[in-house]
Amino acid sequence: MTRLAIVIVSYNTRRDLEACLASLTANSPAVEHEIVVVDNQSSDGSADAARAAGARVVEMGRNAGFSAANNAGIRASRGDLVLLLNSDTLVPAGAIDRLIERLDATGAIVAGPRIVDADGRPEISFGRMITPLNELRQKRLMRRHEQGDATTVAYVERETRREQSVDWVTGACLLVRRADAEAVGLLDERFFLYTEDVDFCASIRARGGRVLFTPAAEITHLRGRSRRSNPRAADDFYARSHIEFYRKHHPLLAPLLRAYLAVTRRG
């Protein structure tokens, strides 16, 4: 019986997708699993490359966005666990099995691994629920970390070495129990790209579920590569999803955010 479904969304990321699938083939999880690639009408042959690598392919026929594509992959798959995995990731040997072990051992509903970039530097891949104050703190932390501030680098290294309950983990690599994902209605498709993972984890926590960050598993994320082809569009998607997030979770603040983004993104 299939225990795990690995769902990967691709939109014109053929080279990254091929590398991701190759890492999954070379370091195949020990648990019975299937790989489903959902293609958002790529023009670079991503769907054919996925088939050639042995993955099952779901073709959306349009660029449906990250949430809708992941939902299609979840619905098309089997297994009591689902791993949402970015196409621009590389999975080392044993990483997925260790992530599953920690999910089972702790009783968590969602689990995310330690994520590092191509140079082995840890990514800030978890955090507190999005609020104006928490966003300010997170962005300041990320900025100082990217600038190489020694105190911040040491803090991030320490925090990403510690297993802990968190408000959210990134959708770049997110393991969830299928029954619970279905109970919250899967990912909210009003979020085309960005913030869908924070919203999804909030829905899980609202039902009493635990969201776990664990360094027991580690994957590599070639972050930023998927947005390089059209950074302006990515920024637009981020702004739209951000406003939708505030409309859903902080409705009184949504108009202020809209006005702020209109001013800061002008020109």
Protein backbone atom coordinates (compact mmCIF):
# COMPACT_ATOMS: atom_id res chain seq x y z
CA MET A 1 0.00 0.00 0.00
CA THR A 2 1.33 3.46 -0.89
CA ARG A 3 2.19 5.36 2.29
CA LEU A 4 3.42 8.60 0.74
CA ALA A 5 2.51 10.80 -2.20
CA ILE A 6 5.18 13.29 -3.31
CA VAL A 7 3.56 16.18 -5.16
CA ILE A 8 5.76 18.51 -7.23
CA VAL A 9 4.43 21.53 -9.11
CA SER A 10 6.32 22.71 -12.18
CA TYR A 11 6.01 25.85 -14.26
CA ASN A 12 8.83 26.15 -16.77
CA THR A 13 11.39 24.70 -14.37
CA ARG A 14 12.50 21.71 -16.45
CA ARG A 15 16.18 21.73 -15.50
CA ASP A 16 15.44 22.07 -11.79
CA LEU A 17 12.65 19.49 -12.03
CA GLU A 18 14.95 16.95 -13.70
CA ALA A 19 17.55 17.44 -10.95
CA CYS A 20 14.90 17.12 -8.25
CA LEU A 21 13.50 13.90 -9.72
CA ALA A 22 17.02 12.53 -10.18
CA SER A 23 17.71 13.14 -6.49
CA LEU A 24 14.51 11.29 -5.57
CA THR A 25 15.52 8.38 -7.81
CA ALA A 26 19.05 8.20 -6.44
CA ASN A 27 17.86 8.63 -2.84
CA SER A 28 14.51 6.91 -3.04
CA PRO A 29 12.50 6.95 0.22
CA ALA A 30 12.25 3.56 1.91
CA VAL A 31 8.50 3.91 2.39
CA GLU A 32 6.16 2.90 -0.41
CA HIS A 33 5.55 6.06 -2.39
CA GLU A 34 4.48 7.64 -5.65
CA ILE A 35 5.61 10.84 -7.36
CA VAL A 36 3.05 13.10 -9.01
CA VAL A 37 4.22 16.09 -11.04
CA VAL A 38 1.61 18.76 -11.73
CA ASP A 39 2.46 20.89 -14.75
CA ASN A 40 1.07 24.43 -15.00
CA GLN A 41 1.17 24.49 -18.82
CA SER A 42 4.94 24.77 -19.07
CA SER A 43 6.41 25.57 -22.46
CA ASP A 44 9.82 24.01 -21.75
CA GLY A 45 8.92 20.31 -21.89
CA SER A 46 8.62 19.85 -18.12
CA ALA A 47 5.76 17.37 -18.47
CA ASP A 48 7.69 15.16 -20.92
CA ALA A 49 10.78 15.29 -18.71
CA ALA A 50 8.74 14.20 -15.70
CA ARG A 51 7.27 11.25 -17.62
CA ALA A 52 10.73 10.26 -18.80
CA ALA A 53 11.85 10.19 -15.18
CA GLY A 54 9.00 7.84 -14.26
CA ALA A 55 6.71 10.30 -12.49
CA ARG A 56 2.97 10.43 -13.02
CA VAL A 57 1.97 13.73 -14.62
CA VAL A 58 -1.13 15.84 -14.16
CA GLU A 59 -1.41 18.56 -16.79
CA MET A 60 -3.44 21.58 -15.66
CA GLY A 61 -3.82 23.04 -19.16
CA ARG A 62 -3.17 26.52 -17.79
CA ASN A 63 -1.02 28.26 -15.20
CA ALA A 64 -3.41 27.58 -12.34
CA GLY A 65 -1.10 28.77 -9.58
CA PHE A 66 0.72 26.96 -6.80
CA SER A 67 -2.24 26.19 -4.53
CA ALA A 68 -4.58 24.89 -7.22
CA ALA A 69 -1.84 22.76 -8.79
CA ASN A 70 -0.85 21.22 -5.46
CA ASN A 71 -4.51 20.48 -4.73
CA ALA A 72 -4.85 18.74 -8.09
CA GLY A 73 -1.79 16.63 -7.27
CA ILE A 74 -3.14 15.72 -3.84
CA ARG A 75 -6.50 14.69 -5.30
CA ALA A 76 -4.82 12.61 -8.01
CA SER A 77 -2.60 10.74 -5.55
CA ARG A 78 -2.93 8.07 -2.89
CA GLY A 79 -1.29 7.45 0.47
CA ASP A 80 -2.04 8.67 3.97
CA LEU A 81 0.87 11.15 3.87
CA VAL A 82 1.48 13.91 1.32
CA LEU A 83 4.79 15.69 0.75
CA LEU A 84 4.57 19.01 -1.07
CA LEU A 85 7.98 19.54 -2.66
CA ASN A 86 9.29 22.40 -4.77
CA SER A 87 10.78 21.53 -8.14
CA ASP A 88 13.92 23.51 -7.22
CA THR A 89 14.91 21.21 -4.36
CA LEU A 90 17.40 18.37 -3.99
CA VAL A 91 16.63 15.55 -1.57
CA PRO A 92 19.55 13.74 0.13
CA ALA A 93 19.46 10.09 1.12
CA GLY A 94 17.18 9.35 4.07
CA ALA A 95 15.80 12.88 4.39
CA ILE A 96 12.17 12.05 3.62
CA ASP A 97 12.19 8.93 5.78
CA ARG A 98 13.56 10.89 8.73
CA LEU A 99 10.92 13.56 8.24
CA ILE A 100 8.21 10.90 8.32
CA GLU A 101 9.77 9.32 11.43
CA ARG A 102 9.59 12.63 13.30
CA LEU A 103 6.01 13.24 12.18
CA ASP A 104 5.03 9.79 13.47
CA ALA A 105 7.04 10.06 16.69
CA THR A 106 5.65 13.47 17.71
CA GLY A 107 2.08 13.10 16.51
CA ALA A 108 2.40 16.31 14.52
CA ILE A 109 0.06 16.95 11.60
CA VAL A 110 2.54 18.96 9.51
CA ALA A 111 6.33 18.71 9.49
CA GLY A 112 9.01 20.67 7.66
CA PRO A 113 12.75 19.89 7.49
CA ARG A 114 15.82 22.07 7.85
CA ILE A 115 16.38 23.71 4.49
CA VAL A 116 19.74 24.91 3.22
CA ASP A 117 20.83 26.66 0.02
CA ALA A 118 23.35 25.36 -2.50
CA ASP A 119 26.21 26.54 -0.26
CA GLY A 120 24.81 24.81 2.83
CA ARG A 121 23.56 27.99 4.49
CA PRO A 122 20.32 27.52 6.43
CA GLU A 123 17.15 29.09 5.11
CA ILE A 124 14.60 30.73 7.43
CA SER A 125 11.89 28.28 6.50
CA PHE A 126 9.48 28.63 9.43
CA GLY A 127 8.10 31.37 11.61
CA ARG A 128 5.24 32.98 13.46
CA MET A 129 1.80 33.67 12.06
CA ILE A 130 1.78 36.64 9.67
CA THR A 131 0.90 39.87 11.47
CA PRO A 132 2.34 43.35 10.89
CA LEU A 133 4.70 43.04 13.87
CA ASN A 134 5.75 39.47 13.08
CA GLU A 135 6.37 40.43 9.45
CA LEU A 136 8.57 43.29 10.52
CA ARG A 137 10.58 40.98 12.76
CA GLN A 138 10.86 38.26 10.08
CA LYS A 139 11.94 40.64 7.31
CA ARG A 140 14.51 42.29 9.57
CA LEU A 141 15.86 38.86 10.52
CA MET A 142 16.05 37.78 6.88
CA ARG A 143 17.72 41.02 5.81
CA ARG A 144 20.40 40.79 8.50
CA HIS A 145 20.93 37.12 7.74
CA GLU A 146 21.42 37.83 4.03
CA GLN A 147 23.84 40.65 4.91
CA GLY A 148 25.91 38.21 6.93
CA ASP A 149 25.45 39.88 10.32
CA ALA A 150 27.42 37.56 12.63
CA THR A 151 24.94 37.63 15.51
CA THR A 152 22.00 36.91 13.20
CA VAL A 153 23.84 34.16 11.33
CA ALA A 154 24.64 32.47 14.66
CA TYR A 155 21.02 32.85 15.79
CA VAL A 156 19.62 31.32 12.59
CA GLU A 157 22.13 28.47 12.76
CA ARG A 158 21.13 27.77 16.37
CA GLU A 159 17.37 27.98 15.73
CA THR A 160 17.50 25.74 12.66
CA ARG A 161 19.32 23.09 14.68
CA ARG A 162 16.49 22.92 17.24
CA GLU A 163 13.32 20.88 16.78
CA GLN A 164 10.32 22.98 17.73
CA SER A 165 6.63 23.64 17.28
CA VAL A 166 6.07 26.60 14.97
CA ASP A 167 3.17 28.48 13.40
CA TRP A 168 4.16 27.54 9.85
CA VAL A 169 6.75 25.80 7.72
CA THR A 170 7.46 26.61 4.11
CA GLY A 171 5.60 24.88 1.31
CA ALA A 172 8.94 24.23 -0.39
CA CYS A 173 8.97 20.97 1.58
CA LEU A 174 5.89 20.31 3.68
CA LEU A 175 4.77 16.90 4.92
CA VAL A 176 1.14 16.57 6.01
CA ARG A 177 -1.31 13.85 6.94
CA ARG A 178 -3.79 13.51 4.10
CA ALA A 179 -6.87 13.22 6.30
CA ASP A 180 -6.06 16.50 8.01
CA ALA A 181 -5.23 18.26 4.75
CA GLU A 182 -8.60 17.19 3.38
CA ALA A 183 -10.37 18.21 6.60
CA VAL A 184 -9.26 21.84 6.12
CA GLY A 185 -10.16 21.86 2.44
CA LEU A 186 -6.56 21.53 1.15
CA LEU A 187 -4.75 24.74 0.16
CA ASP A 188 -6.82 27.89 -0.26
CA GLU A 189 -6.81 28.59 -4.00
CA ARG A 190 -7.35 32.31 -3.60
CA PHE A 191 -3.59 32.39 -2.98
CA PHE A 192 -2.13 32.01 -6.47
CA LEU A 193 1.47 32.12 -5.24
CA TYR A 194 2.92 32.94 -1.78
CA THR A 195 1.40 32.85 1.75
CA GLU A 196 -0.59 29.70 0.95
CA ASP A 197 1.68 27.67 3.24
CA VAL A 198 1.20 30.06 6.19
CA ASP A 199 -2.56 30.02 5.65
CA PHE A 200 -2.64 26.22 5.34
CA CYS A 201 -0.68 25.76 8.57
CA ALA A 202 -3.01 28.24 10.30
CA SER A 203 -5.96 26.07 9.27
CA ILE A 204 -4.23 22.98 10.64
CA ARG A 205 -3.48 24.70 13.95
CA ALA A 206 -7.07 25.99 14.21
CA ARG A 207 -8.16 22.34 14.45
CA GLY A 208 -5.64 21.67 17.23
CA GLY A 209 -2.94 20.23 14.99
CA ARG A 210 0.76 20.65 15.66
CA VAL A 211 3.14 22.09 13.07
CA LEU A 212 6.68 20.77 13.55
CA PHE A 213 10.02 22.06 12.34
CA THR A 214 12.72 19.41 12.61
CA PRO A 215 16.44 19.46 11.73
CA ALA A 216 16.41 15.64 11.75
CA ALA A 217 15.83 15.94 8.01
CA GLU A 218 17.57 18.39 5.68
CA ILE A 219 17.04 19.24 2.01
CA THR A 220 18.66 21.68 -0.39
CA HIS A 221 16.56 24.50 -1.85
CA LEU A 222 17.93 26.36 -4.85
CA ARG A 223 15.87 29.33 -3.76
CA GLY A 224 15.06 32.20 -6.02
CA ARG A 225 15.61 30.27 -9.26
CA SER A 226 11.93 29.83 -10.11
CA ARG A 227 11.21 33.57 -9.96
CA ARG A 228 14.19 34.74 -12.01
CA SER A 229 12.41 34.29 -15.35
CA ASN A 230 9.82 36.95 -14.45
CA PRO A 231 10.57 38.73 -11.14
CA ARG A 232 8.01 41.48 -11.76
CA ALA A 233 5.22 38.93 -12.10
CA ALA A 234 6.42 37.17 -8.94
CA ASP A 235 6.29 40.49 -7.07
CA ASP A 236 2.76 41.07 -8.35
CA PHE A 237 1.65 37.63 -7.20
CA TYR A 238 3.22 38.24 -3.80
CA ALA A 239 1.37 41.53 -3.37
CA ARG A 240 -1.96 40.02 -4.39
CA SER A 241 -1.59 37.02 -2.10
CA HIS A 242 -0.47 39.28 0.73
CA ILE A 243 -3.59 41.40 0.42
CA GLU A 244 -5.80 38.30 0.23
CA PHE A 245 -4.11 36.92 3.33
CA TYR A 246 -4.88 40.06 5.29
CA ARG A 247 -8.44 40.09 3.99
CA LYS A 248 -8.89 36.58 5.35
CA HIS A 249 -7.00 36.81 8.63
CA HIS A 250 -6.79 40.55 9.45
CA PRO A 251 -9.67 42.16 7.50
CA LEU A 252 -9.49 45.50 9.28
CA LEU A 253 -5.86 45.91 8.24
CA ALA A 254 -6.28 44.85 4.59
CA PRO A 255 -7.11 48.35 3.26
CA LEU A 256 -4.03 49.77 4.98
CA LEU A 257 -1.85 47.09 3.44
CA ARG A 258 -3.32 47.74 0.01
CA ALA A 259 -2.58 51.47 0.33
CA TYR A 260 0.94 50.80 1.61
CA LEU A 261 1.73 48.46 -1.29
CA ALA A 262 0.28 50.92 -3.80
CA VAL A 263 2.70 53.58 -2.58
CA THR A 264 5.79 51.42 -2.13
CA ARG A 265 5.41 49.58 -5.46
CA ARG A 266 4.60 52.69 -7.54
CA GLY A 267 6.80 53.05 -10.58
